[in-house]
Amino acid sequence: MNLSGIDHIELYVGDARQAAFYYCTALGFQVHGQGGPETGLKGQRSLLLGQGDIRMVLTSPLVPDHPAAEFLRKHGDGVAVIALEVDDAEAAYEELVRRGAAAVSAPARYAGGDAAVTTAEVSGFADVTHRLVERTGPRAEFLPGVFRMSEVDVAADGEVLHTIDHFAVCVPTQTLSTTVRYYEDVFGFSQIFEEYIEVGDQGMYSKVVQSDSKLVTLTLIEPDTTRERGQIDDFIQWHGGAGVQHVAFTADGITDAVRALAGRGVRFASTPPTYYDTLRERVADLAVPVAELREVGVLVDRDHWGQLLQIFTESMHVRRTLFLEIIERRGALTFGSGNIKALYEAKNRELTGVA
């Protein structure tokens, strides 16, 4: 079974058109297609957005018994599906179920013209499922027959975001190890990073699992409940259990990307000026001048292979749950220790005073 990458993600949202307006206006996505009852998508309205190699579906329920309705009641807007591209969806589905995944949706085939897509769904973590996607023929169609594709003009100011780098997933206490084992035993992922992070009187455990293709990465985070309550505890409470805390999108030239996004209205978590006072001591041969990093609030860290530059957006949701990360890798393959703490502190400052 070859998990060759992320085909798309699907977010369940209260109003797909309203959410699409934000993602397109502020983040530079474009509407590539849509579907609803008139195209064969029963009980839902979905919009397909794209930018670079990122494909994102926004789905709103139209009837109370649609799965998205219960997800929204429990979690609010959030990532409900992480779709994985595979060579053979039916074989992958059978293999994953045999290994212990719960069957969610049996294989289904969509075809139109020379394009054909087969999908199936299995359990992931909590209420997030994994959709297995097998594509043959032209890739311009998303789901032939049920998604009506749109004419897309080339973005006037270029594409800022390119791929999905990783997902950060918050899980309740005493479930981190079992979640890691699930992805190792069922999906064949490998653990590539592990760390305990302390921020003041708060603490959390983090483990990163990754597919053999290195194109699907989950950063799993569990709060240390023996310490003071922190933002991971808050996410789990406000989200109603485990879920995707943030999605990381890659950008080339992150400082220019941040300026462009901020100019469109994206709000970023703040970084204290003191962070940059000792940055040269912690990270030698900085890929970007300190003054430029300080200007836009971008953080820098390194692993054995190179540097990574990161920044968080503020959450755009009323529950203060899902947010985004912009990341640029200058050779780095994993995650550095310093930025995780700095990013955690940045989110703490954003959430200060939020009940």
Protein backbone atom coordinates (compact mmCIF):
# COMPACT_ATOMS: atom_id res chain seq x y z
CA MET A 1 0.00 0.00 0.00
CA ASN A 2 1.52 3.28 -1.13
CA LEU A 3 0.28 6.52 0.48
CA SER A 4 1.73 8.86 -2.10
CA GLY A 5 0.61 12.14 -0.56
CA ILE A 6 -2.29 14.34 0.47
CA ASP A 7 -4.95 14.51 -2.21
CA HIS A 8 -7.10 17.10 -0.44
CA ILE A 9 -8.57 18.08 2.90
CA GLU A 10 -12.23 18.64 3.68
CA LEU A 11 -13.45 21.10 6.28
CA TYR A 12 -16.97 21.00 7.66
CA VAL A 13 -18.10 24.61 8.06
CA GLY A 14 -21.31 26.35 9.02
CA ASP A 15 -21.46 28.35 5.78
CA ALA A 16 -19.28 27.16 2.91
CA ARG A 17 -19.72 30.32 0.86
CA GLN A 18 -18.84 32.60 3.76
CA ALA A 19 -15.78 30.49 4.64
CA ALA A 20 -14.69 30.46 0.99
CA PHE A 21 -14.85 34.25 0.91
CA TYR A 22 -12.27 34.41 3.72
CA TYR A 23 -9.97 31.75 2.27
CA CYS A 24 -10.07 33.36 -1.18
CA THR A 25 -9.90 37.02 -0.16
CA ALA A 26 -7.36 36.72 2.66
CA LEU A 27 -5.34 33.61 1.79
CA GLY A 28 -5.40 33.69 -2.01
CA PHE A 29 -7.34 30.50 -2.75
CA GLN A 30 -9.60 30.27 -5.80
CA VAL A 31 -12.86 28.40 -6.29
CA HIS A 32 -12.15 25.45 -8.60
CA GLY A 33 -15.51 23.69 -8.39
CA GLN A 34 -18.74 23.17 -6.51
CA GLY A 35 -21.31 20.53 -5.78
CA GLY A 36 -24.67 20.10 -4.11
CA PRO A 37 -28.00 18.33 -4.50
CA GLU A 38 -28.20 19.43 -8.14
CA THR A 39 -24.94 17.60 -8.92
CA GLY A 40 -25.63 14.50 -6.85
CA LEU A 41 -24.17 15.50 -3.46
CA LYS A 42 -27.14 14.78 -1.23
CA GLY A 43 -27.82 16.98 1.76
CA GLN A 44 -24.75 19.18 1.41
CA ARG A 45 -23.21 22.16 -0.34
CA SER A 46 -19.48 21.89 -1.11
CA LEU A 47 -16.96 24.26 -2.66
CA LEU A 48 -13.57 23.11 -3.94
CA LEU A 49 -10.77 25.63 -3.38
CA GLY A 50 -7.25 25.43 -4.75
CA GLN A 51 -3.88 27.13 -4.54
CA GLY A 52 -0.59 25.62 -5.66
CA ASP A 53 -0.88 21.89 -5.02
CA ILE A 54 -3.38 22.43 -2.18
CA ARG A 55 -6.96 21.31 -2.68
CA MET A 56 -9.46 22.09 0.05
CA VAL A 57 -13.16 21.24 0.15
CA LEU A 58 -15.53 23.32 2.29
CA THR A 59 -18.73 21.45 3.08
CA SER A 60 -21.89 22.66 4.83
CA PRO A 61 -24.84 20.40 5.68
CA LEU A 62 -28.26 21.21 4.26
CA VAL A 63 -30.16 18.66 6.36
CA PRO A 64 -29.89 17.87 10.09
CA ASP A 65 -28.97 14.20 9.62
CA HIS A 66 -25.92 14.88 7.42
CA PRO A 67 -22.64 13.82 9.16
CA ALA A 68 -21.37 17.39 8.90
CA ALA A 69 -24.25 18.62 11.06
CA GLU A 70 -23.21 16.48 14.02
CA PHE A 71 -19.54 17.35 13.51
CA LEU A 72 -20.35 21.06 13.58
CA ARG A 73 -22.55 20.71 16.64
CA LYS A 74 -19.76 18.98 18.53
CA HIS A 75 -16.63 20.65 17.16
CA GLY A 76 -17.53 23.78 15.23
CA ASP A 77 -15.76 24.49 11.93
CA GLY A 78 -12.78 22.20 11.45
CA VAL A 79 -10.90 19.60 9.45
CA ALA A 80 -13.09 16.51 9.08
CA VAL A 81 -11.31 14.59 6.31
CA ILE A 82 -7.65 14.17 5.41
CA ALA A 83 -7.65 12.52 1.99
CA LEU A 84 -4.69 10.35 1.02
CA GLU A 85 -3.75 9.54 -2.55
CA VAL A 86 -3.23 5.81 -3.17
CA ASP A 87 -2.55 3.59 -6.17
CA ASP A 88 -5.50 1.26 -5.52
CA ALA A 89 -8.27 2.60 -3.27
CA GLU A 90 -10.16 -0.67 -2.95
CA ALA A 91 -7.06 -2.71 -2.04
CA ALA A 92 -5.87 -0.01 0.39
CA TYR A 93 -9.30 0.09 2.03
CA GLU A 94 -9.36 -3.67 2.53
CA GLU A 95 -5.79 -3.71 3.86
CA LEU A 96 -6.37 -0.87 6.33
CA VAL A 97 -9.56 -2.45 7.65
CA ARG A 98 -7.72 -5.75 8.03
CA ARG A 99 -5.02 -3.97 10.05
CA GLY A 100 -7.57 -2.44 12.43
CA ALA A 101 -9.04 0.71 10.88
CA ALA A 102 -12.80 1.10 11.12
CA ALA A 103 -14.64 1.07 7.79
CA VAL A 104 -16.44 4.39 7.21
CA SER A 105 -17.41 4.37 3.51
CA ALA A 106 -17.02 1.48 1.08
CA PRO A 107 -15.23 2.05 -2.25
CA ALA A 108 -17.17 4.17 -4.74
CA ARG A 109 -16.21 5.06 -8.31
CA TYR A 110 -16.82 8.37 -10.09
CA ALA A 111 -16.21 8.67 -13.82
CA GLY A 112 -16.64 11.21 -16.58
CA GLY A 113 -14.92 11.38 -19.95
CA ASP A 114 -11.38 10.03 -19.60
CA ALA A 115 -11.19 10.72 -15.85
CA ALA A 116 -12.07 8.25 -13.11
CA VAL A 117 -11.76 8.55 -9.33
CA THR A 118 -12.30 5.81 -6.75
CA THR A 119 -12.70 6.75 -3.08
CA ALA A 120 -13.16 4.90 0.20
CA GLU A 121 -13.01 6.06 3.81
CA VAL A 122 -11.57 4.64 7.02
CA SER A 123 -11.17 5.93 10.54
CA GLY A 124 -8.34 8.25 11.51
CA PHE A 125 -8.28 9.90 14.93
CA ALA A 126 -11.39 10.91 16.86
CA ASP A 127 -13.98 12.20 14.35
CA VAL A 128 -11.46 12.82 11.56
CA THR A 129 -11.55 10.26 8.76
CA HIS A 130 -9.11 9.37 6.00
CA ARG A 131 -10.45 9.29 2.47
CA LEU A 132 -8.45 7.05 0.13
CA VAL A 133 -8.34 8.52 -3.37
CA GLU A 134 -7.27 6.71 -6.55
CA ARG A 135 -7.11 8.84 -9.71
CA THR A 136 -6.76 7.76 -13.33
CA GLY A 137 -6.82 9.87 -16.46
CA PRO A 138 -6.82 13.69 -16.53
CA ARG A 139 -6.55 15.26 -13.08
CA ALA A 140 -8.47 18.42 -13.90
CA GLU A 141 -11.67 16.81 -12.62
CA PHE A 142 -12.03 16.48 -8.83
CA LEU A 143 -14.94 14.03 -8.53
CA PRO A 144 -16.36 13.50 -12.02
CA GLY A 145 -20.13 13.60 -12.11
CA VAL A 146 -20.69 15.19 -8.67
CA PHE A 147 -18.43 18.25 -8.72
CA ARG A 148 -18.97 20.90 -11.37
CA MET A 149 -15.59 22.43 -12.18
CA SER A 150 -15.10 26.17 -12.70
CA GLU A 151 -12.98 28.23 -15.05
CA VAL A 152 -10.02 29.50 -12.99
CA ASP A 153 -8.02 32.56 -13.98
CA VAL A 154 -4.33 32.82 -13.13
CA ALA A 155 -4.01 34.75 -9.87
CA ALA A 156 -2.96 38.30 -10.67
CA ASP A 157 -0.50 38.51 -7.77
CA GLY A 158 0.73 34.91 -7.93
CA GLU A 159 0.25 32.00 -5.57
CA VAL A 160 1.61 32.44 -2.06
CA LEU A 161 0.94 28.95 -0.64
CA HIS A 162 2.10 25.74 -2.31
CA THR A 163 1.62 22.47 -0.39
CA ILE A 164 0.41 21.04 2.92
CA ASP A 165 3.48 20.46 5.10
CA HIS A 166 1.86 18.85 8.15
CA PHE A 167 -1.12 18.73 10.48
CA ALA A 168 -0.90 19.46 14.21
CA VAL A 169 -3.34 17.28 16.14
CA CYS A 170 -4.28 17.76 19.80
CA VAL A 171 -5.27 14.58 21.65
CA PRO A 172 -6.53 14.09 25.23
CA THR A 173 -4.18 12.98 27.97
CA GLN A 174 -3.07 9.33 27.95
CA THR A 175 -4.00 8.87 24.26
CA LEU A 176 -0.79 10.08 22.56
CA SER A 177 1.00 6.72 22.58
CA THR A 178 -2.05 4.78 21.42
CA THR A 179 -2.59 7.24 18.56
CA VAL A 180 1.05 6.91 17.49
CA ARG A 181 0.79 3.09 17.57
CA TYR A 182 -2.41 3.24 15.51
CA TYR A 183 -0.67 5.11 12.71
CA GLU A 184 2.38 2.87 12.92
CA ASP A 185 0.46 -0.42 12.95
CA VAL A 186 -2.40 0.46 10.59
CA PHE A 187 -0.97 3.04 8.16
CA GLY A 188 2.70 2.06 8.33
CA PHE A 189 3.85 5.50 9.53
CA SER A 190 7.14 5.98 11.38
CA GLN A 191 7.79 8.19 14.39
CA ILE A 192 10.40 10.79 13.36
CA PHE A 193 10.43 13.24 16.30
CA GLU A 194 9.60 13.36 19.99
CA GLU A 195 9.81 16.11 22.58
CA TYR A 196 8.51 17.32 25.93
CA ILE A 197 7.90 21.07 25.90
CA GLU A 198 7.74 23.28 28.99
CA VAL A 199 6.36 26.81 28.90
CA GLY A 200 6.29 28.33 32.36
CA ASP A 201 4.19 26.05 34.54
CA GLN A 202 2.62 24.32 31.51
CA GLY A 203 3.84 21.23 29.71
CA MET A 204 2.99 19.05 26.74
CA TYR A 205 4.24 15.93 24.99
CA SER A 206 4.74 15.89 21.23
CA LYS A 207 5.42 13.04 18.80
CA VAL A 208 5.56 13.28 15.01
CA VAL A 209 4.56 10.43 12.71
CA GLN A 210 5.15 10.36 8.97
CA SER A 211 4.28 8.16 6.00
CA ASP A 212 6.98 6.28 4.08
CA SER A 213 6.55 8.78 1.24
CA LYS A 214 7.37 11.57 3.75
CA LEU A 215 4.46 13.52 2.27
CA VAL A 216 1.94 12.93 5.07
CA THR A 217 3.00 14.18 8.49
CA LEU A 218 1.04 14.41 11.75
CA THR A 219 2.38 16.28 14.76
CA LEU A 220 0.51 14.78 17.71
CA ILE A 221 0.30 16.81 20.93
CA GLU A 222 -0.93 15.76 24.37
CA PRO A 223 -1.21 18.06 27.40
CA ASP A 224 0.62 17.24 30.63
CA THR A 225 -2.28 17.39 33.07
CA THR A 226 0.05 17.25 36.08
CA ARG A 227 1.07 20.82 35.19
CA GLU A 228 -0.91 24.04 34.91
CA ARG A 229 -3.74 24.02 32.37
CA GLY A 230 -2.72 25.41 28.95
CA GLN A 231 -3.83 26.02 25.39
CA ILE A 232 -3.83 22.32 24.44
CA ASP A 233 -6.33 21.64 27.24
CA ASP A 234 -8.36 24.63 26.02
CA PHE A 235 -8.39 23.36 22.43
CA ILE A 236 -9.61 19.92 23.51
CA GLN A 237 -12.35 21.50 25.61
CA TRP A 238 -13.46 24.08 23.02
CA HIS A 239 -13.21 21.60 20.14
CA GLY A 240 -15.00 18.87 22.05
CA GLY A 241 -12.21 16.30 21.92
CA ALA A 242 -9.22 15.50 19.72
CA GLY A 243 -8.86 17.29 16.42
CA VAL A 244 -6.69 19.20 13.98
CA GLN A 245 -5.37 22.27 15.79
CA HIS A 246 -3.62 23.71 12.76
CA VAL A 247 -2.74 22.99 9.14
CA ALA A 248 0.72 24.06 7.96
CA PHE A 249 1.03 25.41 4.42
CA THR A 250 4.41 25.85 2.74
CA ALA A 251 5.55 29.11 1.18
CA ASP A 252 8.66 30.09 -0.74
CA GLY A 253 10.08 33.34 0.58
CA ILE A 254 8.10 33.34 3.81
CA THR A 255 8.70 36.97 4.72
CA ASP A 256 7.23 38.14 1.41
CA ALA A 257 4.38 35.67 1.87
CA VAL A 258 3.58 37.03 5.33
CA ARG A 259 3.59 40.60 4.03
CA ALA A 260 1.24 39.62 1.20
CA LEU A 261 -1.14 37.74 3.49
CA ALA A 262 -1.12 40.46 6.14
CA GLY A 263 -1.94 42.98 3.40
CA ARG A 264 -5.03 40.91 2.58
CA GLY A 265 -6.20 40.93 6.20
CA VAL A 266 -4.66 37.77 7.70
CA ARG A 267 -3.81 38.29 11.37
CA PHE A 268 -0.72 36.57 12.76
CA ALA A 269 0.19 35.60 16.32
CA SER A 270 2.65 38.11 17.76
CA THR A 271 6.31 37.42 18.47
CA PRO A 272 8.02 39.45 21.24
CA PRO A 273 10.98 41.57 20.06
CA THR A 274 13.23 39.85 22.63
CA TYR A 275 12.94 36.60 20.64
CA TYR A 276 15.31 38.06 18.04
CA ASP A 277 17.91 39.41 20.50
CA THR A 278 19.68 36.05 20.80
CA LEU A 279 18.52 34.45 17.56
CA ARG A 280 21.98 34.52 15.94
CA GLU A 281 23.38 32.66 18.95
CA ARG A 282 20.75 29.91 18.67
CA VAL A 283 20.71 29.58 14.86
CA ALA A 284 23.98 30.17 13.00
CA ASP A 285 24.11 31.42 9.39
CA LEU A 286 20.53 32.64 9.30
CA ALA A 287 18.87 32.20 5.91
CA VAL A 288 17.07 35.56 6.31
CA PRO A 289 18.43 38.71 8.03
CA VAL A 290 17.26 39.22 11.61
CA ALA A 291 15.84 42.65 10.84
CA GLU A 292 13.58 41.20 8.15
CA LEU A 293 12.44 38.37 10.42
CA ARG A 294 11.72 40.81 13.24
CA GLU A 295 9.70 43.06 10.91
CA VAL A 296 7.18 40.32 10.07
CA GLY A 297 7.43 38.15 13.22
CA VAL A 298 8.74 34.98 11.58
CA LEU A 299 10.51 32.41 13.79
CA VAL A 300 13.60 30.40 12.80
CA ASP A 301 14.82 27.02 13.99
CA ARG A 302 16.98 24.21 12.65
CA ASP A 303 17.41 20.46 12.65
CA HIS A 304 20.33 18.32 11.44
CA TRP A 305 19.59 19.09 7.78
CA GLY A 306 18.84 22.80 7.68
CA GLN A 307 16.62 25.65 8.79
CA LEU A 308 12.86 26.09 9.00
CA LEU A 309 10.97 29.37 9.23
CA GLN A 310 7.48 29.46 10.73
CA ILE A 311 4.63 31.69 11.83
CA PHE A 312 1.07 31.05 13.07
CA THR A 313 -2.09 32.87 12.06
CA GLU A 314 -4.66 33.76 14.66
CA SER A 315 -7.68 31.48 14.67
CA MET A 316 -10.45 32.65 12.37
CA HIS A 317 -13.14 30.70 14.27
CA VAL A 318 -15.43 31.75 17.10
CA ARG A 319 -14.29 28.78 19.23
CA ARG A 320 -10.65 29.87 18.79
CA THR A 321 -9.76 26.37 17.63
CA LEU A 322 -8.46 25.79 14.09
CA PHE A 323 -5.72 28.11 12.82
CA LEU A 324 -3.02 27.95 10.16
CA GLU A 325 0.76 27.87 10.03
CA ILE A 326 2.95 29.22 7.25
CA ILE A 327 6.26 27.36 6.98
CA GLU A 328 9.32 27.51 4.74
CA ARG A 329 11.90 24.74 4.85
CA ARG A 330 15.49 25.63 3.98
CA GLY A 331 16.75 22.04 4.06
CA ALA A 332 15.10 21.07 7.38
CA LEU A 333 13.32 17.71 7.30
CA THR A 334 11.86 17.54 10.81
CA PHE A 335 11.14 20.10 13.54
CA GLY A 336 13.48 22.11 15.72
CA SER A 337 13.06 22.31 19.49
CA GLY A 338 13.17 26.08 19.92
CA ASN A 339 10.29 27.05 17.66
CA ILE A 340 7.78 24.67 19.21
CA LYS A 341 8.11 26.48 22.51
CA ALA A 342 8.11 29.90 20.84
CA LEU A 343 5.03 29.07 18.77
CA TYR A 344 3.26 27.73 21.87
CA GLU A 345 4.04 30.95 23.71
CA ALA A 346 2.76 32.99 20.76
CA LYS A 347 -0.60 31.19 20.86
CA ASN A 348 -0.74 31.68 24.63
CA ARG A 349 -0.42 35.43 24.14
CA GLU A 350 -3.20 35.39 21.54
CA LEU A 351 -5.52 33.45 23.84
CA THR A 352 -4.81 35.50 26.98
CA GLY A 353 -8.09 36.63 28.42
CA VAL A 354 -10.23 34.32 26.29
CA ALA A 355 -12.63 32.39 28.50
